[in-house]
C-alpha atoms as a PDB file:
ATOM      1  CA  MET A   1     -48.058 -31.256-114.777  1.00  0.00           C
ATOM      2  CA  ILE A   2     -46.590 -28.273-112.932  1.00  0.00           C
ATOM      3  CA  SER A   3     -43.135 -28.970-111.500  1.00  0.00           C
ATOM      4  CA  ASN A   4     -42.051 -28.102-107.970  1.00  0.00           C
ATOM      5  CA  THR A   5     -39.715 -25.435-109.387  1.00  0.00           C
ATOM      6  CA  GLN A   6     -42.571 -23.764-111.236  1.00  0.00           C
ATOM      7  CA  ILE A   7     -44.672 -23.742-108.063  1.00  0.00           C
ATOM      8  CA  THR A   8     -41.976 -22.248-105.830  1.00  0.00           C
ATOM      9  CA  ALA A   9     -41.170 -19.581-108.430  1.00  0.00           C
ATOM     10  CA  GLN A  10     -44.674 -18.134-108.217  1.00  0.00           C
ATOM     11  CA  PRO A  11     -44.989 -14.804-106.330  1.00  0.00           C
ATOM     12  CA  GLU A  12     -47.990 -16.025-104.344  1.00  0.00           C
ATOM     13  CA  TYR A  13     -46.054 -19.030-103.060  1.00  0.00           C
ATOM     14  CA  ASP A  14     -43.252 -16.708-101.966  1.00  0.00           C
ATOM     15  CA  ILE A  15     -45.700 -14.534-100.003  1.00  0.00           C
ATOM     16  CA  GLN A  16     -47.424 -17.435 -98.274  1.00  0.00           C
ATOM     17  CA  PHE A  17     -44.118 -19.163 -97.447  1.00  0.00           C
ATOM     18  CA  TRP A  18     -42.692 -16.122 -95.652  1.00  0.00           C
ATOM     19  CA  ASN A  19     -46.011 -15.506 -93.913  1.00  0.00           C
ATOM     20  CA  ALA A  20     -45.695 -19.020 -92.514  1.00  0.00           C
ATOM     21  CA  MET A  21     -42.088 -18.384 -91.476  1.00  0.00           C
ATOM     22  CA  ARG A  22     -43.212 -15.281 -89.544  1.00  0.00           C
ATOM     23  CA  ASN A  23     -45.977 -17.336 -87.902  1.00  0.00           C
ATOM     24  CA  LYS A  24     -48.617 -15.290 -89.677  1.00  0.00           C
ATOM     25  CA  GLU A  25     -51.744 -16.582 -91.345  1.00  0.00           C
ATOM     26  CA  ALA A  26     -50.796 -18.382 -94.561  1.00  0.00           C
ATOM     27  CA  ARG A  27     -52.834 -20.135 -97.217  1.00  0.00           C
ATOM     28  CA  GLU A  28     -52.258 -23.841 -96.776  1.00  0.00           C
ATOM     29  CA  ASP A  29     -53.756 -24.641-100.187  1.00  0.00           C
ATOM     30  CA  ILE A  30     -50.869 -22.759-101.822  1.00  0.00           C
ATOM     31  CA  LEU A  31     -48.146 -23.967 -99.451  1.00  0.00           C
ATOM     32  CA  ALA A  32     -49.319 -27.563 -99.842  1.00  0.00           C
ATOM     33  CA  LYS A  33     -48.107 -27.519-103.435  1.00  0.00           C
ATOM     34  CA  GLY A  34     -44.533 -27.232-102.160  1.00  0.00           C
ATOM     35  CA  ARG A  35     -44.919 -29.565 -99.182  1.00  0.00           C
ATOM     36  CA  ASP A  36     -42.594 -32.518 -98.662  1.00  0.00           C
ATOM     37  CA  ILE A  37     -44.887 -35.142 -97.159  1.00  0.00           C
ATOM     38  CA  SER A  38     -42.029 -37.232 -95.726  1.00  0.00           C
ATOM     39  CA  THR A  39     -40.725 -34.403 -93.515  1.00  0.00           C
ATOM     40  CA  GLY A  40     -43.662 -32.015 -93.196  1.00  0.00           C
ATOM     41  CA  THR A  41     -41.463 -29.213 -94.539  1.00  0.00           C
ATOM     42  CA  TYR A  42     -42.012 -26.816 -97.426  1.00  0.00           C
ATOM     43  CA  SER A  43     -39.741 -26.098-100.376  1.00  0.00           C
ATOM     44  CA  MET A  44     -38.182 -22.677-100.147  1.00  0.00           C
ATOM     45  CA  PRO A  45     -39.234 -20.164-102.808  1.00  0.00           C
ATOM     46  CA  THR A  46     -36.961 -20.337-105.841  1.00  0.00           C
ATOM     47  CA  VAL A  47     -35.147 -17.062-105.155  1.00  0.00           C
ATOM     48  CA  ALA A  48     -34.553 -17.900-101.491  1.00  0.00           C
ATOM     49  CA  ALA A  49     -33.396 -21.419-102.355  1.00  0.00           C
ATOM     50  CA  GLY A  50     -30.882 -19.896-104.755  1.00  0.00           C
ATOM     51  CA  LYS A  51     -29.598 -17.620-101.987  1.00  0.00           C
ATOM     52  CA  VAL A  52     -29.134 -20.608 -99.659  1.00  0.00           C
ATOM     53  CA  MET A  53     -27.182 -22.430-102.358  1.00  0.00           C
ATOM     54  CA  ASN A  54     -25.007 -19.359-102.934  1.00  0.00           C
ATOM     55  CA  GLU A  55     -24.177 -19.310 -99.217  1.00  0.00           C
ATOM     56  CA  ILE A  56     -23.431 -23.044 -99.261  1.00  0.00           C
ATOM     57  CA  GLU A  57     -21.075 -22.582-102.202  1.00  0.00           C
ATOM     58  CA  LYS A  58     -19.292 -19.708-100.464  1.00  0.00           C
ATOM     59  CA  GLU A  59     -18.820 -21.762 -97.294  1.00  0.00           C
ATOM     60  CA  SER A  60     -17.911 -25.073 -98.939  1.00  0.00           C
ATOM     61  CA  ASP A  61     -14.375 -25.618-100.216  1.00  0.00           C
ATOM     62  CA  PHE A  62     -15.367 -28.978-101.645  1.00  0.00           C
ATOM     63  CA  ARG A  63     -18.068 -27.656-103.951  1.00  0.00           C
ATOM     64  CA  LYS A  64     -15.442 -25.438-105.589  1.00  0.00           C
ATOM     65  CA  ILE A  65     -13.389 -28.450-106.733  1.00  0.00           C
ATOM     66  CA  ALA A  66     -15.962 -31.238-107.088  1.00  0.00           C
ATOM     67  CA  THR A  67     -18.548 -31.845-109.807  1.00  0.00           C
ATOM     68  CA  VAL A  68     -22.008 -30.689-108.718  1.00  0.00           C
ATOM     69  CA  ILE A  69     -25.068 -32.286-110.289  1.00  0.00           C
ATOM     70  CA  ARG A  70     -28.759 -31.650-109.728  1.00  0.00           C
ATOM     71  CA  ALA A  71     -30.787 -34.854-110.037  1.00  0.00           C
ATOM     72  CA  TYR A  72     -34.198 -33.942-108.668  1.00  0.00           C
ATOM     73  CA  LYS A  73     -36.118 -36.167-111.074  1.00  0.00           C
ATOM     74  CA  ASN A  74     -33.536 -38.811-111.907  1.00  0.00           C
ATOM     75  CA  GLY A  75     -33.511 -42.353-110.560  1.00  0.00           C
ATOM     76  CA  TYR A  76     -31.013 -43.835-108.181  1.00  0.00           C
ATOM     77  CA  LYS A  77     -28.160 -44.679-110.533  1.00  0.00           C
ATOM     78  CA  ILE A  78     -25.550 -42.471-112.130  1.00  0.00           C
ATOM     79  CA  PHE A  79     -22.949 -43.348-114.727  1.00  0.00           C
ATOM     80  CA  ALA A  80     -19.345 -42.242-114.299  1.00  0.00           C
ATOM     81  CA  LYS A  81     -17.376 -41.600-117.482  1.00  0.00           C
ATOM     82  CA  ASP A  82     -13.714 -42.581-117.609  1.00  0.00           C
ATOM     83  CA  CYS A  83     -11.227 -40.410-119.532  1.00  0.00           C
ATOM     84  CA  LYS A  84     -10.258 -42.914-122.219  1.00  0.00           C
ATOM     85  CA  ASP A  85     -11.429 -41.089-125.334  1.00  0.00           C
ATOM     86  CA  LYS A  86      -9.096 -41.341-128.271  1.00  0.00           C
ATOM     87  CA  ALA A  87      -8.714 -40.182-131.846  1.00  0.00           C
ATOM     88  CA  GLU A  88      -6.534 -41.567-134.635  1.00  0.00           C
ATOM     89  CA  PHE A  89      -5.148 -40.268-137.925  1.00  0.00           C
ATOM     90  CA  VAL A  90      -6.385 -42.305-140.894  1.00  0.00           C
ATOM     91  CA  ALA A  91      -5.244 -42.418-144.490  1.00  0.00           C
ATOM     92  CA  GLU A  92      -7.520 -41.141-147.253  1.00  0.00           C
ATOM     93  CA  GLY A  93     -10.082 -43.826-148.043  1.00  0.00           C
ATOM     94  CA  ALA A  94      -8.997 -46.042-145.142  1.00  0.00           C
ATOM     95  CA  ALA A  95     -11.473 -47.531-142.706  1.00  0.00           C
ATOM     96  CA  ILE A  96     -12.163 -45.403-139.667  1.00  0.00           C
ATOM     97  CA  PRO A  97     -11.644 -47.423-136.477  1.00  0.00           C
ATOM     98  CA  VAL A  98     -14.668 -47.894-134.271  1.00  0.00           C
ATOM     99  CA  TYR A  99     -14.110 -47.153-130.611  1.00  0.00           C
ATOM    100  CA  GLU A 100     -16.099 -49.394-128.308  1.00  0.00           C
ATOM    101  CA  SER A 101     -17.423 -47.164-125.513  1.00  0.00           C
ATOM    102  CA  ALA A 102     -19.392 -49.688-123.503  1.00  0.00           C
ATOM    103  CA  GLY A 103     -16.537 -50.097-121.029  1.00  0.00           C
ATOM    104  CA  ASP A 104     -16.261 -46.349-120.404  1.00  0.00           C
ATOM    105  CA  PHE A 105     -18.930 -46.222-117.770  1.00  0.00           C
ATOM    106  CA  ASP A 106     -19.124 -47.306-114.148  1.00  0.00           C
ATOM    107  CA  GLU A 107     -22.545 -47.586-112.603  1.00  0.00           C
ATOM    108  CA  LYS A 108     -22.975 -45.985-109.191  1.00  0.00           C
ATOM    109  CA  THR A 109     -26.029 -45.983-106.963  1.00  0.00           C
ATOM    110  CA  ILE A 110     -26.967 -42.660-105.406  1.00  0.00           C
ATOM    111  CA  GLU A 111     -29.135 -42.012-102.398  1.00  0.00           C
ATOM    112  CA  SER A 112     -31.072 -39.052-101.026  1.00  0.00           C
ATOM    113  CA  TYR A 113     -29.484 -38.408 -97.649  1.00  0.00           C
ATOM    114  CA  LYS A 114     -31.144 -35.881 -95.382  1.00  0.00           C
ATOM    115  CA  LEU A 115     -28.981 -33.121 -93.902  1.00  0.00           C
ATOM    116  CA  ALA A 116     -30.801 -31.271 -91.120  1.00  0.00           C
ATOM    117  CA  SER A 117     -30.296 -27.885 -89.471  1.00  0.00           C
ATOM    118  CA  ILE A 118     -32.268 -26.011 -86.824  1.00  0.00           C
ATOM    119  CA  VAL A 119     -32.100 -22.227 -86.532  1.00  0.00           C
ATOM    120  CA  THR A 120     -33.829 -20.293 -83.743  1.00  0.00           C
ATOM    121  CA  LEU A 121     -34.974 -16.677 -83.661  1.00  0.00           C
ATOM    122  CA  ASP A 122     -36.454 -14.525 -80.903  1.00  0.00           C
ATOM    123  CA  GLU A 123     -40.095 -13.755 -81.583  1.00  0.00           C
ATOM    124  CA  ASP A 124     -39.328 -10.027 -81.337  1.00  0.00           C
ATOM    125  CA  PHE A 125     -37.180 -10.307 -84.463  1.00  0.00           C
ATOM    126  CA  VAL A 126     -39.709 -12.468 -86.272  1.00  0.00           C
ATOM    127  CA  ASN A 127     -42.499  -9.974 -85.602  1.00  0.00           C
ATOM    128  CA  ASP A 128     -40.396  -6.947 -86.556  1.00  0.00           C
ATOM    129  CA  VAL A 129     -41.405  -6.040 -90.114  1.00  0.00           C
ATOM    130  CA  GLY A 130     -38.057  -4.288 -90.540  1.00  0.00           C
ATOM    131  CA  PHE A 131     -36.092  -7.447 -89.831  1.00  0.00           C
ATOM    132  CA  ASP A 132     -34.939  -9.233 -93.000  1.00  0.00           C
ATOM    133  CA  ILE A 133     -35.842 -12.784 -92.046  1.00  0.00           C
ATOM    134  CA  GLU A 134     -35.124 -14.091 -95.532  1.00  0.00           C
ATOM    135  CA  LYS A 135     -31.539 -12.820 -95.460  1.00  0.00           C
ATOM    136  CA  TYR A 136     -30.978 -14.143 -91.958  1.00  0.00           C
ATOM    137  CA  LEU A 137     -32.301 -17.651 -92.643  1.00  0.00           C
ATOM    138  CA  THR A 138     -30.652 -18.087 -96.021  1.00  0.00           C
ATOM    139  CA  GLN A 139     -27.267 -17.058 -94.639  1.00  0.00           C
ATOM    140  CA  LYS A 140     -27.497 -19.139 -91.469  1.00  0.00           C
ATOM    141  CA  LEU A 141     -28.749 -22.243 -93.258  1.00  0.00           C
ATOM    142  CA  GLY A 142     -26.230 -21.877 -96.071  1.00  0.00           C
ATOM    143  CA  LYS A 143     -23.282 -21.656 -93.688  1.00  0.00           C
ATOM    144  CA  SER A 144     -24.392 -24.571 -91.517  1.00  0.00           C
ATOM    145  CA  PHE A 145     -25.146 -26.779 -94.517  1.00  0.00           C
ATOM    146  CA  GLY A 146     -21.851 -25.847 -96.200  1.00  0.00           C
ATOM    147  CA  LYS A 147     -19.782 -26.846 -93.156  1.00  0.00           C
ATOM    148  CA  ALA A 148     -21.656 -30.110 -92.642  1.00  0.00           C
ATOM    149  CA  GLU A 149     -21.341 -30.970 -96.322  1.00  0.00           C
ATOM    150  CA  ASP A 150     -17.566 -30.538 -96.394  1.00  0.00           C
ATOM    151  CA  ASN A 151     -17.156 -32.767 -93.355  1.00  0.00           C
ATOM    152  CA  ALA A 152     -19.276 -35.487 -94.987  1.00  0.00           C
ATOM    153  CA  PHE A 153     -17.553 -35.230 -98.374  1.00  0.00           C
ATOM    154  CA  ILE A 154     -14.253 -35.894 -96.607  1.00  0.00           C
ATOM    155  CA  ASN A 155     -15.154 -38.153 -93.673  1.00  0.00           C
ATOM    156  CA  GLY A 156     -18.607 -39.488 -94.558  1.00  0.00           C
ATOM    157  CA  THR A 157     -19.257 -43.152 -93.797  1.00  0.00           C
ATOM    158  CA  GLY A 158     -21.842 -43.790 -96.508  1.00  0.00           C
ATOM    159  CA  ALA A 159     -24.360 -44.772 -93.791  1.00  0.00           C
ATOM    160  CA  ASP A 160     -27.121 -42.129 -93.672  1.00  0.00           C
ATOM    161  CA  GLU A 161     -24.645 -39.656 -95.190  1.00  0.00           C
ATOM    162  CA  PRO A 162     -22.455 -39.257 -98.306  1.00  0.00           C
ATOM    163  CA  THR A 163     -19.335 -41.379 -98.788  1.00  0.00           C
ATOM    164  CA  GLY A 164     -16.246 -39.292 -98.063  1.00  0.00           C
ATOM    165  CA  ILE A 165     -12.943 -39.400 -99.926  1.00  0.00           C
ATOM    166  CA  LEU A 166     -11.261 -40.910 -96.846  1.00  0.00           C
ATOM    167  CA  HIS A 167     -13.646 -43.869 -96.708  1.00  0.00           C
ATOM    168  CA  HIS A 168     -11.638 -47.065 -96.238  1.00  0.00           C
ATOM    169  CA  THR A 169     -13.121 -48.942 -99.222  1.00  0.00           C
ATOM    170  CA  ASP A 170     -15.096 -46.508-101.395  1.00  0.00           C
ATOM    171  CA  GLY A 171     -12.880 -43.458-101.012  1.00  0.00           C
ATOM    172  CA  ALA A 172      -9.543 -42.460-102.496  1.00  0.00           C
ATOM    173  CA  LYS A 173      -6.891 -45.117-103.011  1.00  0.00           C
ATOM    174  CA  THR A 174      -3.946 -45.259-100.613  1.00  0.00           C
ATOM    175  CA  ALA A 175      -0.702 -44.534-102.457  1.00  0.00           C
ATOM    176  CA  LEU A 176       1.681 -45.344 -99.614  1.00  0.00           C
ATOM    177  CA  THR A 177       1.768 -45.977 -95.888  1.00  0.00           C
ATOM    178  CA  VAL A 178       4.465 -44.193 -93.895  1.00  0.00           C
ATOM    179  CA  GLU A 179       5.557 -43.789 -90.287  1.00  0.00           C
ATOM    180  CA  THR A 180       6.752 -40.199 -90.686  1.00  0.00           C
ATOM    181  CA  LEU A 181       5.998 -37.749 -93.455  1.00  0.00           C
ATOM    182  CA  THR A 182       8.984 -36.811 -95.618  1.00  0.00           C
ATOM    183  CA  TYR A 183       9.722 -34.756 -98.731  1.00  0.00           C
ATOM    184  CA  ASP A 184      10.091 -37.946-100.771  1.00  0.00           C
ATOM    185  CA  ASP A 185       6.758 -39.284 -99.528  1.00  0.00           C
ATOM    186  CA  VAL A 186       4.907 -36.253-100.872  1.00  0.00           C
ATOM    187  CA  ILE A 187       6.683 -36.602-104.212  1.00  0.00           C
ATOM    188  CA  SER A 188       5.735 -40.291-104.300  1.00  0.00           C
ATOM    189  CA  LEU A 189       2.094 -39.418-103.654  1.00  0.00           C
ATOM    190  CA  TYR A 190       2.138 -36.951-106.541  1.00  0.00           C
ATOM    191  CA  PHE A 191       3.544 -39.442-109.046  1.00  0.00           C
ATOM    192  CA  SER A 192       1.332 -42.286-107.827  1.00  0.00           C
ATOM    193  CA  VAL A 193      -1.611 -40.484-109.417  1.00  0.00           C
ATOM    194  CA  ASP A 194      -2.012 -41.250-113.112  1.00  0.00           C
ATOM    195  CA  LYS A 195      -0.879 -38.317-115.260  1.00  0.00           C
ATOM    196  CA  GLY A 196      -4.384 -37.980-116.683  1.00  0.00           C
ATOM    197  CA  TYR A 197      -5.635 -37.127-113.207  1.00  0.00           C
ATOM    198  CA  ARG A 198      -2.520 -35.134-112.250  1.00  0.00           C
ATOM    199  CA  LYS A 199      -3.264 -32.608-114.982  1.00  0.00           C
ATOM    200  CA  ASN A 200      -6.014 -31.012-112.886  1.00  0.00           C
ATOM    201  CA  GLY A 201      -4.658 -32.226-109.571  1.00  0.00           C
ATOM    202  CA  ILE A 202      -5.265 -30.429-106.262  1.00  0.00           C
ATOM    203  CA  TRP A 203      -3.801 -31.011-102.803  1.00  0.00           C
ATOM    204  CA  LEU A 204      -6.147 -31.244 -99.818  1.00  0.00           C
ATOM    205  CA  MET A 205      -4.984 -31.032 -96.194  1.00  0.00           C
ATOM    206  CA  ASN A 206      -5.541 -29.127 -92.958  1.00  0.00           C
ATOM    207  CA  ASP A 207      -3.599 -26.205 -91.507  1.00  0.00           C
ATOM    208  CA  LYS A 208      -1.301 -28.298 -89.321  1.00  0.00           C
ATOM    209  CA  THR A 209      -0.315 -30.536 -92.208  1.00  0.00           C
ATOM    210  CA  ALA A 210       0.263 -27.511 -94.445  1.00  0.00           C
ATOM    211  CA  LEU A 211       2.606 -26.067 -91.821  1.00  0.00           C
ATOM    212  CA  ALA A 212       4.560 -29.328 -91.709  1.00  0.00           C
ATOM    213  CA  LEU A 213       4.869 -29.417 -95.499  1.00  0.00           C
ATOM    214  CA  ARG A 214       6.021 -25.801 -95.621  1.00  0.00           C
ATOM    215  CA  LYS A 215       9.102 -26.881 -93.660  1.00  0.00           C
ATOM    216  CA  LEU A 216      10.071 -29.861 -95.825  1.00  0.00           C
ATOM    217  CA  LYS A 217      13.243 -29.511 -97.943  1.00  0.00           C
ATOM    218  CA  ASP A 218      15.113 -31.736-100.362  1.00  0.00           C
ATOM    219  CA  ASN A 219      18.785 -32.649 -99.940  1.00  0.00           C
ATOM    220  CA  ASP A 220      19.829 -29.389-101.600  1.00  0.00           C
ATOM    221  CA  GLY A 221      17.794 -27.259 -99.207  1.00  0.00           C
ATOM    222  CA  ASN A 222      14.970 -26.482-101.654  1.00  0.00           C
ATOM    223  CA  TYR A 223      11.550 -26.186-100.085  1.00  0.00           C
ATOM    224  CA  LEU A 224       8.772 -28.499-101.251  1.00  0.00           C
ATOM    225  CA  TRP A 225       6.195 -25.724-100.790  1.00  0.00           C
ATOM    226  CA  ASN A 226       6.344 -22.819-103.222  1.00  0.00           C
ATOM    227  CA  GLN A 227       6.036 -19.841-100.895  1.00  0.00           C
ATOM    228  CA  ALA A 228       5.428 -17.430-103.781  1.00  0.00           C
ATOM    229  CA  ASN A 229       2.090 -18.889-104.853  1.00  0.00           C
ATOM    230  CA  ASP A 230       1.271 -21.494-102.183  1.00  0.00           C
ATOM    231  CA  THR A 231       1.514 -24.483-104.505  1.00  0.00           C
ATOM    232  CA  ILE A 232       3.201 -27.871-104.298  1.00  0.00           C
ATOM    233  CA  LEU A 233       4.771 -29.060-107.557  1.00  0.00           C
ATOM    234  CA  GLY A 234       2.762 -26.377-109.311  1.00  0.00           C
ATOM    235  CA  LYS A 235      -0.585 -27.615-107.994  1.00  0.00           C
ATOM    236  CA  GLN A 236      -3.056 -25.667-105.855  1.00  0.00           C
ATOM    237  CA  VAL A 237      -3.407 -26.442-102.155  1.00  0.00           C
ATOM    238  CA  ILE A 238      -6.851 -26.390-100.523  1.00  0.00           C
ATOM    239  CA  ILE A 239      -6.951 -26.129 -96.732  1.00  0.00           C
ATOM    240  CA  SER A 240      -9.844 -27.869 -94.977  1.00  0.00           C
ATOM    241  CA  GLU A 241     -10.392 -28.091 -91.247  1.00  0.00           C
ATOM    242  CA  TYR A 242     -12.048 -31.475 -91.788  1.00  0.00           C
ATOM    243  CA  MET A 243      -8.904 -33.217 -92.986  1.00  0.00           C
ATOM    244  CA  PRO A 244      -7.165 -35.107 -90.138  1.00  0.00           C
ATOM    245  CA  ASP A 245      -3.873 -34.229 -88.493  1.00  0.00           C
ATOM    246  CA  ILE A 246      -0.677 -36.189 -89.133  1.00  0.00           C
ATOM    247  CA  GLU A 247      -1.344 -38.851 -86.522  1.00  0.00           C
ATOM    248  CA  THR A 248      -1.248 -42.614 -86.229  1.00  0.00           C
ATOM    249  CA  GLY A 249      -3.665 -44.274 -88.649  1.00  0.00           C
ATOM    250  CA  THR A 250      -4.890 -41.085 -90.363  1.00  0.00           C
ATOM    251  CA  LYS A 251      -4.863 -39.990 -93.997  1.00  0.00           C
ATOM    252  CA  PRO A 252      -3.699 -36.363 -93.722  1.00  0.00           C
ATOM    253  CA  ILE A 253      -2.989 -35.573 -97.408  1.00  0.00           C
ATOM    254  CA  ALA A 254      -5.051 -36.202-100.523  1.00  0.00           C
ATOM    255  CA  PHE A 255      -4.012 -35.371-104.075  1.00  0.00           C
ATOM    256  CA  GLY A 256      -5.760 -35.811-107.382  1.00  0.00           C
ATOM    257  CA  ASP A 257      -8.579 -34.669-109.614  1.00  0.00           C
ATOM    258  CA  PHE A 258     -11.471 -33.817-107.316  1.00  0.00           C
ATOM    259  CA  SER A 259     -13.863 -33.324-110.217  1.00  0.00           C
ATOM    260  CA  TYR A 260     -14.357 -37.088-109.968  1.00  0.00           C
ATOM    261  CA  TYR A 261     -16.096 -36.536-106.660  1.00  0.00           C
ATOM    262  CA  TRP A 262     -19.730 -35.975-107.574  1.00  0.00           C
ATOM    263  CA  ILE A 263     -22.086 -34.011-105.342  1.00  0.00           C
ATOM    264  CA  VAL A 264     -25.635 -34.914-106.344  1.00  0.00           C
ATOM    265  CA  GLY A 265     -28.483 -32.669-105.208  1.00  0.00           C
ATOM    266  CA  ARG A 266     -31.670 -34.719-104.843  1.00  0.00           C
ATOM    267  CA  LYS A 267     -34.279 -32.179-103.681  1.00  0.00           C
ATOM    268  CA  PRO A 268     -34.468 -28.422-103.073  1.00  0.00           C
ATOM    269  CA  VAL A 269     -33.960 -27.120 -99.522  1.00  0.00           C
ATOM    270  CA  THR A 270     -37.139 -27.400 -97.430  1.00  0.00           C
ATOM    271  CA  VAL A 271     -38.113 -25.620 -94.182  1.00  0.00           C
ATOM    272  CA  ARG A 272     -40.830 -25.594 -91.530  1.00  0.00           C
ATOM    273  CA  THR A 273     -41.368 -23.747 -88.269  1.00  0.00           C
ATOM    274  CA  LEU A 274     -41.036 -25.341 -84.832  1.00  0.00           C
ATOM    275  CA  LEU A 275     -43.403 -23.344 -82.653  1.00  0.00           C
ATOM    276  CA  GLU A 276     -44.056 -25.396 -79.526  1.00  0.00           C
ATOM    277  CA  LYS A 277     -40.502 -26.620 -79.010  1.00  0.00           C
ATOM    278  CA  PHE A 278     -39.111 -23.159 -78.261  1.00  0.00           C
ATOM    279  CA  VAL A 279     -42.196 -21.357 -76.966  1.00  0.00           C
ATOM    280  CA  LEU A 280     -40.888 -21.231 -73.372  1.00  0.00           C
ATOM    281  CA  TYR A 281     -37.907 -19.258 -74.636  1.00  0.00           C
ATOM    282  CA  ASP A 282     -40.048 -16.825 -76.665  1.00  0.00           C
ATOM    283  CA  GLN A 283     -38.384 -18.154 -79.792  1.00  0.00           C
ATOM    284  CA  ILE A 284     -39.390 -19.754 -83.065  1.00  0.00           C
ATOM    285  CA  GLY A 285     -37.361 -22.596 -84.471  1.00  0.00           C
ATOM    286  CA  TYR A 286     -36.803 -23.349 -88.140  1.00  0.00           C
ATOM    287  CA  LEU A 287     -36.119 -26.913 -89.180  1.00  0.00           C
ATOM    288  CA  ALA A 288     -34.501 -27.189 -92.612  1.00  0.00           C
ATOM    289  CA  PHE A 289     -33.457 -30.143 -94.711  1.00  0.00           C
ATOM    290  CA  GLU A 290     -31.111 -30.524 -97.647  1.00  0.00           C
ATOM    291  CA  PHE A 291     -31.250 -33.755 -99.653  1.00  0.00           C
ATOM    292  CA  LEU A 292     -28.092 -34.907-101.384  1.00  0.00           C
ATOM    293  CA  ASP A 293     -25.464 -37.576-101.894  1.00  0.00           C
ATOM    294  CA  GLY A 294     -21.759 -37.519-102.648  1.00  0.00           C
ATOM    295  CA  LYS A 295     -19.460 -40.167-104.093  1.00  0.00           C
ATOM    296  CA  LEU A 296     -15.999 -40.509-105.557  1.00  0.00           C
ATOM    297  CA  VAL A 297     -16.873 -42.087-108.881  1.00  0.00           C
ATOM    298  CA  ARG A 298     -13.268 -42.855-109.867  1.00  0.00           C
ATOM    299  CA  ASN A 299     -11.367 -44.069-106.826  1.00  0.00           C
ATOM    300  CA  GLU A 300      -8.008 -43.887-108.593  1.00  0.00           C
ATOM    301  CA  ALA A 301      -8.504 -40.201-109.469  1.00  0.00           C
ATOM    302  CA  ILE A 302      -7.518 -39.191-105.926  1.00  0.00           C
ATOM    303  CA  LYS A 303      -4.878 -40.828-103.747  1.00  0.00           C
ATOM    304  CA  VAL A 304      -3.866 -40.378-100.129  1.00  0.00           C
ATOM    305  CA  ILE A 305      -0.953 -40.958 -97.784  1.00  0.00           C
ATOM    306  CA  GLN A 306      -1.790 -43.266 -94.889  1.00  0.00           C
ATOM    307  CA  MET A 307       0.049 -42.871 -91.596  1.00  0.00           C
ATOM    308  CA  ALA A 308       1.035 -46.258 -90.191  1.00  0.00           C
ATOM    309  CA  ASP A 309      -0.835 -47.677 -87.202  1.00  0.00           C
ATOM    310  CA  ALA A 310       1.052 -47.857 -83.935  1.00  0.00           C
ATOM    311  CA  GLY A 311       3.167 -50.993 -83.553  1.00  0.00           C
ATOM    312  CA  LYS A 312       3.087 -51.854 -87.266  1.00  0.00           C
END
């Protein structure tokens, strides 16, 4: 049986797909092989899909620090491996201890959430043979998907979208709750994370929080933030606009090993034209979907500071 990837990699599919995107005559018998029946969209040709993913990866800070998995054919459960491997020295001729690994794995259910984006183009551009429609669409879709992904991976509710690291039950664990953010609080957050996860630890916060931390000093006047290399306690800082400000009830700082957040791709990016919707504006719309899920598979791998609620 020919796989979807094999179909979309064929030159003829590429030709017919872009004919359809330019609202030209296209062979439906060839396009149908890449059609997603549930959405009425078509898988992008393999090269174009790769370009979209490259743009997503450039735009997304989270994909740079998380673990990315493609599970197009897999079922709806993944297994998360804990870092409890061990080795022991044994005397010559002595029995080698057997390590029971059954408890190493947590079972997590994954979904196929649908992330949608609509891009519009004037018909004059679409009909201009000199206009690089592939470059335009792959860049626009990649940027919009990348931004939406990062927001979901941080703030996602788990309802019709991935579960973000700030989720109240399935996200990162809360290390401490404070009324105001101090030097000692940040140190406490760092050491609340198990040393196994601290080894590859990363800080995540927004610009305003980073500015506040840049000003924090210990009792001897030493800054918490290393101005020379923009690290805190030797660990990299990632700035994301989707992390909340330091306000009542928020979780403005996360620290830990973000490789335990798994981004699971479920289907390739699919697209179809929207002709009638924008015809009065002399435009063609492009409806695109990305199918994915995201979960923190080890909640203790990342911890956060919680700002106290008002009156508590």
